C-alpha cells in the first residue's frame, strides 16, 4: 500500500446563490491523497462539503478550479476513463424503486458495461440476505434492504475505487455491522463519508475532518484523537475526602478544569504533561485507588471542530 490512487490538487467548487451576488464555497482548496488499498473516512457536519467532494471525484460534478487524479487519470482531461475506475454509492438514490431488486442489478451492470452472471448475482444476494427479495419491487424494501441492495449494486460494478456517501445512515446495528464486515474484507480502496463515529473507528485506516469546505486534519485514528489536545485529561479514583481534594486542586495553577463524577471519580485537566509530578505531590496525601490518563474520542474531536 504505497501508491496514491486518489489525489486532489487545490480542488475548489463554488456556487452562486440565486438572487444574490454571494458565493458559496462548497469545497475550498482541498489537497488530499489516498493510498491504494486504503479505507479513508471523511467526517464533517451537514453542509461541510463531503458529498460535493465525492461527486467531484466521481466526475458527476466539475470543480470550479483545481483538479484530481484517479488512479493516475486526470478527471478533467480524461473524464470517461476516470469513470471506469470508480463506483459510487450515494445513499440509495441510485436505485429504481419501480423495478425489482434483480432488475436493478441487471440494469446497472448493463449501463456500466460490466459482465454479469445471474448465478453470481444470486450468490451475492444470498450473502446480503436478499435472495428472497430479488423478485420484489424495491419500493417494498425496508431502508436497510435498500442500502444493502445499493451496496451490492456498487460491488457488482467491480471497480478499483469505491466511493460511499453515508452508507450506514439510519440503519439498525445489525445492518451496520454487516456493512462494516463486508467492506473490511473487500481489499479495495474505499473512500467513505459518515457521521457515525463507531463506523469510522471500526472501518477506516485514516480519517479526515472537513468543515466549511476545508480539510482541517488528516491522520490515523490515534493522531486525530490527539489533534488540538494540548491539555492532559486525567481521571482520579479516590476512596474518601473527595471534596477536600477538589478544594486543594482548585488552588493549583497547573489545573485548568475539575469535574466531580459519581462513585469517587474526579476528572481533571492538566496544563501540560510535565505537571504530572505536581499532581502526584498533591495526591500522595490522599487514599487514591487509581489514576488514568484519558484521550479524546473521535466524537469529542468532531464536536470540537463543528463548534
Foldseek 3Di string as FASTA:
>chain_A
DPAWQKWWAQFWAWDQDPPDRDIATLAGGDTDTDHWLFAEEEEEDPSLNPVVVLCCQLLVDPTPDTWMHGRNHTCVVCVVVSNLQEFEQDQLVQADQQAFLQVRLVVLCVVLVHDDDPVVLLVVCVLLVCNVRRRPGNVPDDSLVSLSSSVSSRVSSVHQEYEYEASCPPHDPVSLVSVQVVVQPPSGHYYYYHNDLVSCLSHGQKYWYTGSNYTDDIDGQVVLQCPPPQKWKKKWAFDDPLVVLVVVVVPDPQWDDWDDDPNRIIITIGNHPVCVVVVVVSCVVGHTPDMDIDTGHPVNSNVVVVD
